[in-house]
Protein backbone atom coordinates (compact mmCIF):
# COMPACT_ATOMS: atom_id res chain seq x y z
CA MET A 1 -18.00 -33.93 20.53
CA THR A 2 -18.93 -30.18 20.36
CA VAL A 3 -22.73 -29.66 19.76
CA ILE A 4 -23.46 -26.32 17.71
CA GLY A 5 -26.58 -24.79 18.86
CA PRO A 6 -29.43 -23.40 16.74
CA ASP A 7 -28.56 -19.85 17.73
CA ARG A 8 -24.85 -20.21 16.62
CA ILE A 9 -26.07 -21.73 13.27
CA ALA A 10 -28.53 -18.99 12.82
CA LEU A 11 -25.84 -16.29 13.47
CA ALA A 12 -23.59 -17.97 11.16
CA LEU A 13 -25.92 -18.00 8.41
CA LEU A 14 -26.89 -14.50 9.05
CA SER A 15 -23.39 -13.39 8.75
CA THR A 16 -22.95 -15.50 5.63
CA ALA A 17 -26.03 -13.75 4.21
CA LEU A 18 -24.81 -10.29 5.20
CA TYR A 19 -21.43 -10.86 3.68
CA ALA A 20 -22.78 -12.06 0.24
CA LEU A 21 -24.99 -8.94 0.14
CA LEU A 22 -21.78 -6.92 0.85
CA CYS A 23 -19.95 -8.81 -2.05
CA GLY A 24 -23.09 -8.21 -4.25
CA ALA A 25 -23.01 -4.41 -3.59
CA ILE A 26 -19.21 -4.17 -3.85
CA TRP A 27 -19.34 -6.10 -7.26
CA ARG A 28 -22.19 -4.00 -8.50
CA ARG A 29 -20.53 -0.78 -7.59
CA GLN A 30 -17.24 -1.90 -9.27
CA ARG A 31 -19.15 -3.01 -12.32
CA ARG A 32 -21.08 0.28 -12.70
CA ARG A 33 -17.74 2.09 -12.50
CA ALA A 34 -16.21 -0.30 -15.34
CA GLN A 35 -19.09 0.22 -17.40
CA ALA A 36 -19.30 3.94 -17.13
CA ALA A 37 -15.43 3.80 -18.08
CA ALA A 38 -16.16 1.63 -20.87
CA ALA A 39 -18.97 3.84 -22.07
CA ALA A 40 -16.80 6.93 -21.79
CA ALA A 41 -13.95 5.52 -23.95
CA GLN A 42 -16.46 4.12 -26.42
CA ALA A 43 -18.06 7.55 -26.84
CA LEU A 44 -14.83 8.83 -28.35
CA LEU A 45 -14.93 6.38 -31.09
CA PRO A 46 -17.39 7.55 -33.81
CA ALA A 47 -15.42 8.78 -36.60
CA ALA A 48 -16.15 11.88 -38.79
CA ASP A 49 -16.47 11.25 -42.27
CA GLY A 50 -15.20 7.72 -42.03
CA GLN A 51 -11.88 8.79 -40.51
CA ALA A 52 -9.99 5.93 -38.94
CA PRO A 53 -9.80 6.60 -35.26
CA LEU A 54 -6.46 8.06 -33.92
CA LEU A 55 -4.97 5.55 -31.35
CA VAL A 56 -4.25 7.11 -27.67
CA LEU A 57 -2.54 4.62 -25.82
CA HIS A 58 -1.16 4.66 -22.21
CA ALA A 59 1.55 2.80 -20.22
CA SER A 60 0.70 3.53 -16.73
CA GLN A 61 1.79 2.45 -13.18
CA THR A 62 0.52 4.93 -10.87
CA GLY A 63 -2.25 6.52 -13.16
CA GLN A 64 -0.52 9.54 -14.27
CA ALA A 65 0.17 8.20 -17.74
CA GLU A 66 -3.47 7.04 -17.97
CA ALA A 67 -4.99 10.32 -16.64
CA ILE A 68 -3.11 12.40 -19.34
CA ALA A 69 -4.27 9.82 -21.95
CA TRP A 70 -7.81 10.44 -21.00
CA GLN A 71 -7.35 14.19 -21.11
CA THR A 72 -5.58 13.85 -24.43
CA ALA A 73 -8.41 11.69 -25.87
CA GLN A 74 -11.20 13.82 -24.60
CA ALA A 75 -9.62 17.33 -25.79
CA LEU A 76 -9.27 15.70 -29.33
CA HIS A 77 -12.69 14.40 -29.32
CA THR A 78 -14.04 17.60 -28.38
CA ALA A 79 -12.15 19.20 -31.22
CA GLY A 80 -13.90 16.61 -33.80
CA VAL A 81 -11.09 14.08 -33.83
CA SER A 82 -12.22 10.43 -33.46
CA VAL A 83 -10.06 8.60 -31.15
CA ARG A 84 -9.44 5.14 -29.62
CA LEU A 85 -8.34 5.08 -26.09
CA ALA A 86 -6.48 1.89 -24.79
CA ALA A 87 -3.94 0.71 -22.60
CA LEU A 88 -0.89 -0.41 -24.54
CA GLY A 89 -1.07 -3.71 -23.02
CA ASP A 90 -4.39 -4.09 -24.63
CA ILE A 91 -3.31 -3.47 -28.02
CA THR A 92 -2.50 -6.34 -30.48
CA ARG A 93 0.20 -6.19 -33.26
CA ALA A 94 -2.63 -5.97 -35.86
CA ASP A 95 -3.95 -3.06 -34.13
CA LEU A 96 -0.50 -1.13 -34.37
CA ALA A 97 -0.03 -2.29 -38.04
CA GLY A 98 -3.50 -1.20 -39.04
CA ALA A 99 -3.35 2.13 -37.58
CA GLU A 100 -2.47 5.52 -39.26
CA ARG A 101 -1.90 7.72 -36.33
CA ALA A 102 -1.13 7.03 -32.64
CA LEU A 103 -0.29 9.10 -29.50
CA VAL A 104 1.38 7.26 -26.77
CA ILE A 105 1.78 8.38 -23.08
CA ALA A 106 4.49 5.94 -21.49
CA SER A 107 5.62 6.27 -17.97
CA THR A 108 8.87 4.53 -16.87
CA TYR A 109 9.06 2.39 -13.60
CA GLY A 110 11.83 2.33 -11.44
CA GLU A 111 15.30 2.14 -13.32
CA GLY A 112 14.15 2.12 -17.00
CA ASP A 113 11.40 -0.64 -16.42
CA PRO A 114 7.90 -0.48 -18.29
CA PRO A 115 4.82 -0.34 -16.22
CA ASP A 116 3.42 -3.72 -15.04
CA GLY A 117 0.52 -3.41 -17.50
CA ALA A 118 2.93 -3.05 -20.60
CA ALA A 119 5.27 -5.82 -19.68
CA ALA A 120 3.27 -8.21 -21.66
CA PHE A 121 3.43 -6.10 -24.77
CA VAL A 122 7.23 -5.86 -24.37
CA ARG A 123 7.56 -9.49 -24.38
CA GLN A 124 4.99 -10.52 -26.80
CA VAL A 125 5.21 -7.62 -29.43
CA MET A 126 8.31 -5.59 -28.81
CA SER A 127 10.76 -8.57 -28.26
CA ALA A 128 9.16 -10.88 -30.67
CA ALA A 129 11.22 -12.13 -33.65
CA ASP A 130 8.57 -11.21 -36.14
CA ALA A 131 7.83 -7.87 -34.90
CA PRO A 132 5.15 -5.96 -36.86
CA ASP A 133 5.93 -3.55 -39.79
CA LEU A 134 4.96 -0.17 -38.99
CA HIS A 135 5.77 1.92 -41.81
CA GLY A 136 2.19 3.08 -42.33
CA LEU A 137 1.98 4.62 -38.71
CA HIS A 138 2.82 8.07 -37.58
CA VAL A 139 3.19 8.40 -33.74
CA GLY A 140 3.85 10.98 -31.16
CA LEU A 141 5.19 10.10 -27.84
CA LEU A 142 4.98 11.58 -24.26
CA ALA A 143 7.52 9.97 -21.93
CA LEU A 144 7.11 10.61 -18.26
CA GLY A 145 9.94 10.31 -15.86
CA ASP A 146 12.00 11.43 -13.02
CA SER A 147 15.61 12.89 -13.82
CA SER A 148 16.79 11.86 -10.46
CA TYR A 149 16.72 8.08 -11.59
CA ARG A 150 19.65 6.80 -13.67
CA HIS A 151 17.44 5.77 -16.74
CA TYR A 152 15.40 8.88 -16.93
CA CYS A 153 12.39 8.07 -19.04
CA GLY A 154 13.91 4.69 -19.92
CA PHE A 155 10.80 2.85 -21.00
CA GLY A 156 9.50 5.96 -23.14
CA ARG A 157 12.83 6.09 -24.97
CA GLN A 158 13.05 2.31 -25.40
CA LEU A 159 9.61 2.42 -26.90
CA ASP A 160 10.37 5.31 -29.17
CA ASP A 161 13.52 3.60 -30.50
CA TRP A 162 11.60 0.48 -31.18
CA LEU A 163 8.66 2.24 -32.96
CA ARG A 164 11.19 3.82 -35.35
CA ARG A 165 13.15 0.67 -35.77
CA GLN A 166 9.83 -0.79 -37.00
CA GLY A 167 9.16 2.13 -39.55
CA ALA A 168 6.97 4.37 -37.53
CA GLN A 169 7.26 7.97 -38.60
CA PRO A 170 7.29 10.53 -35.74
CA LEU A 171 4.31 13.15 -35.78
CA PHE A 172 6.75 15.32 -33.80
CA GLU A 173 9.92 14.61 -31.63
CA ARG A 174 9.47 12.60 -28.43
CA ILE A 175 8.59 14.89 -25.46
CA ASP A 176 10.28 13.89 -22.04
CA VAL A 177 8.30 14.91 -18.83
CA ASP A 178 10.50 15.54 -15.93
CA CYS A 179 8.17 15.10 -12.74
CA ASN A 180 5.25 16.66 -14.30
CA ASP A 181 6.95 19.42 -15.73
CA ALA A 182 4.45 22.10 -16.76
CA ALA A 183 6.36 23.39 -19.69
CA ALA A 184 6.87 20.06 -21.29
CA LEU A 185 3.07 19.35 -21.02
CA ALA A 186 2.42 22.59 -22.52
CA ARG A 187 4.43 21.36 -25.64
CA TRP A 188 2.28 18.19 -25.62
CA ARG A 189 -0.94 20.36 -25.72
CA GLU A 190 0.55 22.43 -28.35
CA GLN A 191 1.19 19.28 -30.64
CA LEU A 192 -2.39 18.35 -29.84
CA SER A 193 -3.50 21.75 -31.27
CA HIS A 194 -1.70 21.15 -34.44
CA ILE A 195 -3.24 17.55 -34.87
CA ALA A 196 -6.67 18.89 -33.96
CA GLY A 197 -6.50 21.99 -36.40
CA THR A 198 -7.38 24.38 -33.56
CA LEU A 199 -5.85 26.61 -30.79
CA ASP A 200 -8.89 26.21 -28.48
CA LEU A 201 -8.28 22.90 -26.91
CA PRO A 202 -9.73 22.53 -23.32
CA ASP A 203 -7.34 23.32 -20.49
CA TRP A 204 -6.37 20.30 -18.17
CA GLU A 205 -3.89 21.62 -15.99
CA ALA A 206 -3.19 19.64 -12.70
CA PRO A 207 -5.30 20.77 -9.57
CA ASP A 208 -3.68 23.20 -7.30
CA PHE A 209 -1.90 21.95 -3.97
CA GLN A 210 -4.16 22.75 -0.97
CA PRO A 211 -2.74 23.66 2.44
CA TRP A 212 -2.86 20.92 5.00
CA ARG A 213 -2.16 21.20 8.72
CA LEU A 214 0.38 18.67 10.20
CA VAL A 215 -1.50 17.64 13.42
CA HIS A 216 0.43 14.68 14.56
CA ARG A 217 3.71 13.11 14.13
CA GLU A 218 5.40 10.20 16.08
CA ARG A 219 8.45 8.11 15.49
CA LEU A 220 7.59 4.65 15.05
CA ASN A 221 11.02 2.92 15.34
CA PRO A 222 13.17 4.48 18.11
CA GLY A 223 16.38 2.59 18.40
CA SER A 224 16.39 1.36 14.92
CA GLN A 225 19.69 0.97 12.90
CA GLY A 226 17.91 2.56 10.04
CA ASP A 227 16.62 6.17 9.59
CA ALA A 228 13.70 7.40 11.39
CA VAL A 229 10.35 6.24 10.40
CA CYS A 230 7.30 8.58 11.15
CA HIS A 231 3.79 8.13 11.42
CA ILE A 232 2.25 11.58 10.06
CA GLU A 233 -1.30 12.88 10.33
CA LEU A 234 -2.57 15.90 8.48
CA ALA A 235 -6.04 17.63 8.29
CA PRO A 236 -7.70 19.92 5.74
CA PRO A 237 -7.61 23.74 6.68
CA GLU A 238 -10.07 24.75 9.50
CA GLY A 239 -13.54 24.53 8.31
CA ALA A 240 -12.65 22.75 5.03
CA ALA A 241 -14.44 19.27 4.39
CA LEU A 242 -12.11 16.22 4.13
CA PRO A 243 -11.80 15.23 0.52
CA ASP A 244 -12.44 11.71 -0.61
CA TRP A 245 -9.88 9.16 -1.47
CA ALA A 246 -9.77 5.30 -1.63
CA ALA A 247 -7.29 2.83 -0.26
CA GLY A 248 -4.35 2.60 -2.82
CA ASP A 249 -4.41 6.37 -3.67
CA LEU A 250 -1.46 8.65 -3.49
CA VAL A 251 -0.79 12.07 -2.16
CA GLN A 252 1.68 14.53 -3.92
CA MET A 253 3.70 16.93 -1.53
CA GLN A 254 5.19 20.25 -2.79
CA PRO A 255 8.42 20.59 -0.72
CA ALA A 256 9.25 24.14 0.17
CA ALA A 257 12.66 24.11 -0.92
CA ASP A 258 11.96 22.61 -4.33
CA PRO A 259 8.20 23.24 -5.13
CA GLN A 260 8.68 22.18 -9.07
CA ARG A 261 9.45 18.51 -7.85
CA PRO A 262 6.59 17.24 -5.86
CA ARG A 263 7.14 13.91 -3.91
CA GLU A 264 4.56 11.07 -3.96
CA TYR A 265 3.46 9.07 -0.79
CA SER A 266 1.08 6.24 -0.43
CA ILE A 267 -1.82 7.26 1.80
CA ALA A 268 -2.01 5.02 5.01
CA SER A 269 -5.59 5.93 6.04
CA LEU A 270 -9.16 6.15 4.74
CA PRO A 271 -11.36 9.22 4.85
CA SER A 272 -13.37 7.55 7.79
CA ASP A 273 -10.18 7.96 9.86
CA GLY A 274 -10.74 11.70 9.68
CA ARG A 275 -7.20 12.47 8.70
CA LEU A 276 -4.91 11.79 6.18
CA HIS A 277 -2.10 9.40 7.29
CA LEU A 278 1.35 8.96 5.87
CA LEU A 279 4.39 6.73 6.80
CA VAL A 280 7.58 8.36 6.03
CA ARG A 281 11.23 7.56 6.21
CA GLN A 282 13.59 10.22 6.86
CA ALA A 283 15.60 10.01 3.60
CA LEU A 284 19.53 10.77 3.50
CA ARG A 285 21.12 11.42 0.05
CA ALA A 286 24.38 9.53 -0.95
CA ASP A 287 26.33 12.73 0.39
CA GLY A 288 24.53 12.62 3.64
CA SER A 289 22.38 15.80 3.11
CA PRO A 290 18.56 15.09 4.11
CA GLY A 291 15.78 14.56 1.75
CA LEU A 292 13.85 17.77 1.20
CA ALA A 293 10.29 16.29 1.40
CA SER A 294 10.95 13.71 4.05
CA SER A 295 12.82 15.96 6.42
CA GLN A 296 10.04 18.71 6.07
CA LEU A 297 7.56 16.07 7.15
CA CYS A 298 9.66 14.35 9.67
CA VAL A 299 11.56 17.13 11.37
CA GLN A 300 11.33 20.58 10.15
CA ALA A 301 7.58 21.23 10.11
CA ALA A 302 6.06 22.17 13.67
CA LEU A 303 2.63 20.90 14.58
CA GLY A 304 0.15 23.31 13.05
CA ASP A 305 2.35 24.07 10.18
CA VAL A 306 0.80 23.99 6.70
CA VAL A 307 2.07 21.44 4.21
CA PRO A 308 1.03 21.56 0.40
CA LEU A 309 -0.59 18.59 -0.68
CA ARG A 310 -2.84 17.23 -3.26
CA LEU A 311 -4.60 13.94 -3.70
CA ARG A 312 -3.96 11.76 -6.75
CA ALA A 313 -6.03 8.44 -7.59
CA HIS A 314 -4.07 5.37 -8.05
CA ALA A 315 -6.45 3.11 -9.89
CA GLY A 316 -3.80 0.45 -10.44
CA PHE A 317 -3.52 -0.12 -6.61
CA ARG A 318 -7.27 0.17 -5.57
CA ILE A 319 -9.11 -2.69 -4.66
CA GLY A 320 -11.11 -2.68 -8.05
CA ALA A 321 -12.88 -5.96 -8.58
CA ASN A 322 -10.88 -7.56 -5.87
CA ALA A 323 -13.08 -6.53 -2.91
CA ALA A 324 -14.39 -10.03 -2.81
CA ARG A 325 -11.12 -11.96 -3.21
CA PRO A 326 -8.62 -12.99 -0.45
CA LEU A 327 -5.59 -10.73 -0.53
CA ILE A 328 -1.91 -11.45 -0.23
CA LEU A 329 -0.39 -8.11 0.88
CA ILE A 330 3.37 -8.15 0.51
CA GLY A 331 5.71 -5.18 1.55
CA ASN A 332 8.73 -3.68 3.24
CA GLY A 333 9.56 -0.37 4.93
CA THR A 334 7.12 2.46 4.60
CA GLY A 335 5.34 0.47 1.90
CA LEU A 336 3.32 -0.79 4.71
CA ALA A 337 1.43 2.51 4.27
CA GLY A 338 -0.36 1.57 1.26
CA LEU A 339 -1.14 -2.00 2.52
CA ARG A 340 -2.51 -0.48 5.89
CA ALA A 341 -5.02 1.64 3.97
CA HIS A 342 -6.35 -1.92 2.26
CA LEU A 343 -6.59 -3.67 5.72
CA LYS A 344 -8.56 -0.90 7.24
CA GLU A 345 -10.93 -1.14 4.48
CA ARG A 346 -11.14 -4.77 4.79
CA ALA A 347 -11.57 -4.44 8.56
CA ALA A 348 -14.61 -2.12 8.05
CA ALA A 349 -16.12 -4.74 5.77
CA MET A 350 -15.96 -7.64 8.17
CA PRO A 351 -16.78 -10.56 7.65
CA ALA A 352 -14.67 -10.58 4.60
CA PRO A 353 -12.23 -12.94 2.71
CA PRO A 354 -8.97 -13.51 4.51
CA CYS A 355 -5.69 -11.44 4.06
CA TRP A 356 -2.26 -12.92 4.38
CA LEU A 357 0.62 -10.28 5.21
CA LEU A 358 4.21 -10.62 4.66
CA PHE A 359 6.08 -7.63 5.88
CA GLY A 360 9.90 -7.03 6.12
CA GLU A 361 12.14 -4.81 8.20
CA ARG A 362 15.32 -4.54 10.09
CA GLU A 363 14.78 -5.76 13.63
CA SER A 364 11.94 -6.86 15.65
CA ALA A 365 12.62 -4.95 18.46
CA HIS A 366 12.58 -1.72 16.71
CA ASP A 367 11.11 -2.11 13.41
CA ALA A 368 7.76 -3.83 13.62
CA LEU A 369 5.75 -0.93 12.27
CA TYR A 370 2.13 -0.79 13.45
CA ARG A 371 2.68 -4.00 15.33
CA ALA A 372 -0.25 -3.40 17.82
CA GLU A 373 -2.63 -2.95 14.68
CA VAL A 374 -1.48 -5.91 12.73
CA GLU A 375 -1.90 -7.99 16.02
CA ALA A 376 -5.47 -6.69 16.43
CA TRP A 377 -6.29 -7.46 12.71
CA GLN A 378 -5.09 -11.14 13.42
CA ARG A 379 -7.30 -11.36 16.63
CA SER A 380 -10.24 -9.94 14.87
CA GLY A 381 -9.97 -12.50 11.79
CA VAL A 382 -8.94 -9.56 9.36
CA LEU A 383 -5.66 -11.27 8.96
CA ALA A 384 -5.69 -14.94 8.57
CA ARG A 385 -1.81 -15.22 8.48
CA VAL A 386 0.98 -12.73 9.25
CA ASP A 387 4.78 -13.31 8.21
CA TRP A 388 7.02 -10.71 10.03
CA VAL A 389 10.44 -10.85 8.14
CA PHE A 390 13.33 -8.99 9.89
CA SER A 391 16.52 -9.14 7.85
CA ARG A 392 18.89 -8.31 10.88
CA ASP A 393 17.60 -10.96 13.59
CA GLN A 394 19.75 -13.54 12.32
CA PRO A 395 23.29 -13.61 11.24
CA GLN A 396 22.19 -14.45 7.49
CA ARG A 397 20.17 -11.61 5.83
CA ARG A 398 16.68 -12.74 5.19
CA TYR A 399 14.05 -10.81 3.12
CA VAL A 400 10.28 -11.00 2.35
CA GLN A 401 11.08 -12.83 -0.97
CA HIS A 402 12.76 -15.64 0.90
CA GLN A 403 9.81 -16.10 3.28
CA LEU A 404 7.45 -15.95 0.22
CA ALA A 405 9.73 -18.77 -1.67
CA GLU A 406 9.45 -20.84 1.44
CA GLN A 407 5.80 -20.70 1.39
CA ALA A 408 5.36 -21.59 -2.31
CA ALA A 409 2.64 -24.38 -1.59
CA ARG A 410 0.72 -21.96 0.42
CA LEU A 411 0.99 -19.02 -2.24
CA ARG A 412 -0.17 -21.54 -4.96
CA GLU A 413 -3.21 -22.44 -2.76
CA TRP A 414 -4.12 -18.82 -2.14
CA VAL A 415 -3.90 -18.01 -5.73
CA ASP A 416 -5.91 -20.97 -6.72
CA ALA A 417 -8.65 -19.85 -4.39
CA GLY A 418 -8.87 -16.76 -6.19
CA ALA A 419 -6.42 -14.52 -4.24
CA ALA A 420 -5.14 -11.13 -5.54
CA VAL A 421 -1.62 -10.03 -4.76
CA TYR A 422 -0.46 -6.32 -3.82
CA VAL A 423 2.88 -5.47 -3.46
CA CYS A 424 4.04 -2.11 -1.87
CA GLY A 425 7.71 -0.74 -1.01
CA SER A 426 11.07 -0.79 -2.56
CA LEU A 427 11.36 -1.80 -6.11
CA GLN A 428 15.02 -2.45 -5.83
CA GLY A 429 15.48 -5.75 -3.88
CA MET A 430 12.05 -6.57 -2.57
CA ALA A 431 9.61 -6.03 -5.24
CA GLY A 432 12.11 -7.45 -7.83
CA GLY A 433 12.61 -10.67 -5.58
CA VAL A 434 9.01 -11.01 -5.00
CA ASP A 435 8.17 -10.85 -8.78
CA GLU A 436 11.01 -13.36 -9.38
CA VAL A 437 9.54 -15.71 -6.79
CA LEU A 438 5.90 -15.20 -8.29
CA ARG A 439 7.16 -16.11 -11.48
CA ASN A 440 9.11 -19.02 -10.54
CA THR A 441 6.35 -20.55 -8.38
CA LEU A 442 3.12 -19.63 -10.46
CA GLY A 443 4.93 -19.63 -14.06
CA SER A 444 5.39 -16.36 -16.23
CA ALA A 445 2.08 -17.17 -18.14
CA ALA A 446 0.13 -17.52 -15.01
CA LEU A 447 1.60 -14.25 -13.51
CA ASP A 448 0.56 -12.51 -16.91
CA THR A 449 -2.66 -13.68 -16.50
CA LEU A 450 -3.15 -12.23 -13.04
CA ILE A 451 -1.89 -8.71 -14.20
CA ALA A 452 -4.42 -8.88 -17.18
CA GLN A 453 -7.04 -9.70 -14.65
CA GLY A 454 -5.79 -7.12 -12.14
CA ARG A 455 -5.04 -9.53 -9.65
CA TYR A 456 -1.23 -8.48 -9.28
CA ARG A 457 -0.92 -4.93 -8.37
CA ARG A 458 2.16 -2.89 -7.22
CA ASP A 459 2.87 0.48 -5.77
CA VAL A 460 6.72 0.20 -5.52
CA TYR A 461 9.31 2.90 -5.99
């Protein structure tokens, strides 16, 4: 029998106490942020002359729709309009039926899907047999999308059609925004001016792109059957301070050949790394031509060249209130970028709750991205479990969702123990398959509860 000495017991108690203090500090910080956001939203509510507040609703996945909703609400409030700001998923049938005016900013996810936070609204309100009568509601809708997808602004259009079928009257015709198109957003602000009765609304243009220097590039999958995957490191201009960001955030790149259509990438590092890291696959179009942004980053730009970037907060994929929870991190391909940032953050906070990583790629011999880092995190205890899934290491194709389904009992145990699930990578195939496994294993109601609690978060594309 092994006897544990008093020194080791004291060290264990000290580690536990320090971790409890860390969890408390993280909880207090997140609580302060949540309280500040709630207070800011509440401050928009007081009505002038008893006027019912105008609803400003957002259905957001990566945070862009939510940001525009905040800007919209604050601009109207400054002009004297009482508003209620809320996520579409937090709105009830009675809220809609009792409202007189609403502005909705709705993004589309993948090929026409609603954002995760709006999925319950679609099932429980839009798809209900007794959908609400909205003849007393006047609504304006801003649909965010990307015309390179087949179902451009698909969810925004679906929502617009549903509102009209329920009797809602348009304040103005739906405005579709293709990749943050400035002209479409200007039309939205023009409509807000009409609603507010003033031409002097605050300006809220997106921040400018800043010149970042490419300082390191390395191909991580030489010999792979797939396209090149590169680890990219960028630094701000000489003498400029490194800006702040959080694990889960995104960066937008402005391609030289098409500056009107910025591309978004998950950030794979923390500010404490001293550089902004990206994990980029050199994309090829259906006709064989190279993708503009990925080729610029992976091939065309020389070390020292300037790349226009701007950071974008992605509240939906940040750790949020999950800092003290176990994490189930699921991804494939370059989706490892967003998961890597969370693992770096968890490693810096050790001792910490356990993490379980499930990651899929093609071949173990060539495609085990960041293998040395992952193995080091296993040895240090950051990762309690790692499941590598390589689709082409056996005759029958095998993917992350298959491994997750085989680990159904373990999945339930982790979720029952309070784990949060983060998914990063391709929407088609991986993310859809993982979502199906989660619903089959946990049940749709339980998964909806995880979404409402912020314990199921996705950054997929």
